[in-house]
Amino acid sequence: APYNAFSPNGDGKNDAYEVKNILSWADNEIFIFNRWGGKVFYAKPYRNDWTGDGMPDGTYFYIVDKRDGSKPLAGYLEIVK
């Protein structure tokens, strides 16, 4: 399962949102939404490189579709700077 928090503050630790083993699903896609349901990020494929792109601290909702026929991963993540 994806980690539920990251801290994009440039210290070299947890600066990007990481989904464990995401690189093993070559055709994956990720959606990240704010608390009002607005899509703030999308990537296909995702490579563990989203740093929050100027997003404020807070709680966001993610959907990771491995696109391998299995149920997508979904949950909440927290940006803490």
Protein backbone atom coordinates (compact mmCIF):
# COMPACT_ATOMS: atom_id res chain seq x y z
CA ALA A 1 0.00 0.00 0.00
CA PRO A 2 1.16 3.55 -0.61
CA TYR A 3 2.63 5.55 2.24
CA ASN A 4 0.10 7.93 3.73
CA ALA A 5 2.33 10.99 4.21
CA PHE A 6 5.27 12.80 2.69
CA SER A 7 7.11 16.06 3.37
CA PRO A 8 8.19 17.93 0.23
CA ASN A 9 10.56 20.33 2.01
CA GLY A 10 13.76 19.65 0.07
CA ASP A 11 15.61 17.82 2.85
CA GLY A 12 16.08 14.70 0.74
CA LYS A 13 13.79 12.57 2.93
CA ASN A 14 10.22 11.75 1.88
CA ASP A 15 10.21 14.63 -0.63
CA ALA A 16 7.98 12.80 -3.13
CA TYR A 17 4.87 10.67 -2.78
CA GLU A 18 5.98 7.05 -2.90
CA VAL A 19 3.91 4.03 -3.89
CA LYS A 20 5.83 0.87 -3.00
CA ASN A 21 6.49 -1.40 -6.02
CA ILE A 22 4.82 1.04 -8.44
CA LEU A 23 7.58 0.45 -10.99
CA SER A 24 6.58 -3.21 -11.26
CA TRP A 25 3.23 -2.14 -12.80
CA ALA A 26 4.44 -0.55 -16.04
CA ASP A 27 0.98 0.60 -17.19
CA ASN A 28 -0.12 2.10 -13.83
CA GLU A 29 -1.91 5.40 -13.38
CA ILE A 30 -2.50 7.61 -10.36
CA PHE A 31 -5.12 10.23 -9.54
CA ILE A 32 -4.82 12.61 -6.60
CA PHE A 33 -7.74 14.76 -5.47
CA ASN A 34 -8.09 17.57 -2.95
CA ARG A 35 -10.62 17.41 -0.12
CA TRP A 36 -13.31 18.94 -2.36
CA GLY A 37 -12.88 16.24 -4.99
CA GLY A 38 -10.93 18.35 -7.48
CA LYS A 39 -8.20 16.47 -9.35
CA VAL A 40 -4.83 18.04 -8.52
CA PHE A 41 -2.51 15.47 -10.09
CA TYR A 42 -2.59 12.68 -12.66
CA ALA A 43 0.17 10.55 -14.16
CA LYS A 44 0.35 7.49 -16.40
CA PRO A 45 2.66 5.87 -15.62
CA TYR A 46 3.56 7.15 -12.16
CA ARG A 47 7.24 6.98 -11.16
CA ASN A 48 7.22 8.11 -7.49
CA ASP A 49 8.08 11.66 -8.51
CA TRP A 50 5.16 13.86 -7.35
CA THR A 51 6.42 16.45 -4.86
CA GLY A 52 3.11 18.15 -4.22
CA ASP A 53 3.67 20.73 -6.98
CA GLY A 54 3.01 23.78 -4.78
CA MET A 55 0.04 22.18 -3.03
CA PRO A 56 -0.64 23.35 0.54
CA ASP A 57 -0.28 21.09 3.56
CA GLY A 58 -3.33 18.98 4.02
CA THR A 59 -5.15 15.76 3.32
CA TYR A 60 -5.61 14.44 -0.21
CA PHE A 61 -7.28 11.34 -1.67
CA TYR A 62 -5.45 8.99 -4.04
CA ILE A 63 -6.43 6.25 -6.46
CA VAL A 64 -3.67 4.05 -7.88
CA ASP A 65 -4.79 1.81 -10.71
CA LYS A 66 -2.17 -0.86 -11.34
CA ARG A 67 -4.04 -1.68 -14.56
CA ASP A 68 -3.40 -5.37 -14.09
CA GLY A 69 -6.99 -6.42 -13.50
CA SER A 70 -6.79 -6.06 -9.72
CA LYS A 71 -8.80 -3.63 -7.59
CA PRO A 72 -7.29 -0.11 -7.54
CA LEU A 73 -5.59 1.08 -4.36
CA ALA A 74 -7.36 4.02 -2.76
CA GLY A 75 -7.00 6.04 0.41
CA TYR A 76 -5.79 9.26 1.94
CA LEU A 77 -2.39 10.90 2.03
CA GLU A 78 -1.06 13.84 3.97
CA ILE A 79 1.32 16.54 2.77
CA VAL A 80 3.34 17.93 5.68
CA LYS A 81 5.99 20.57 4.94
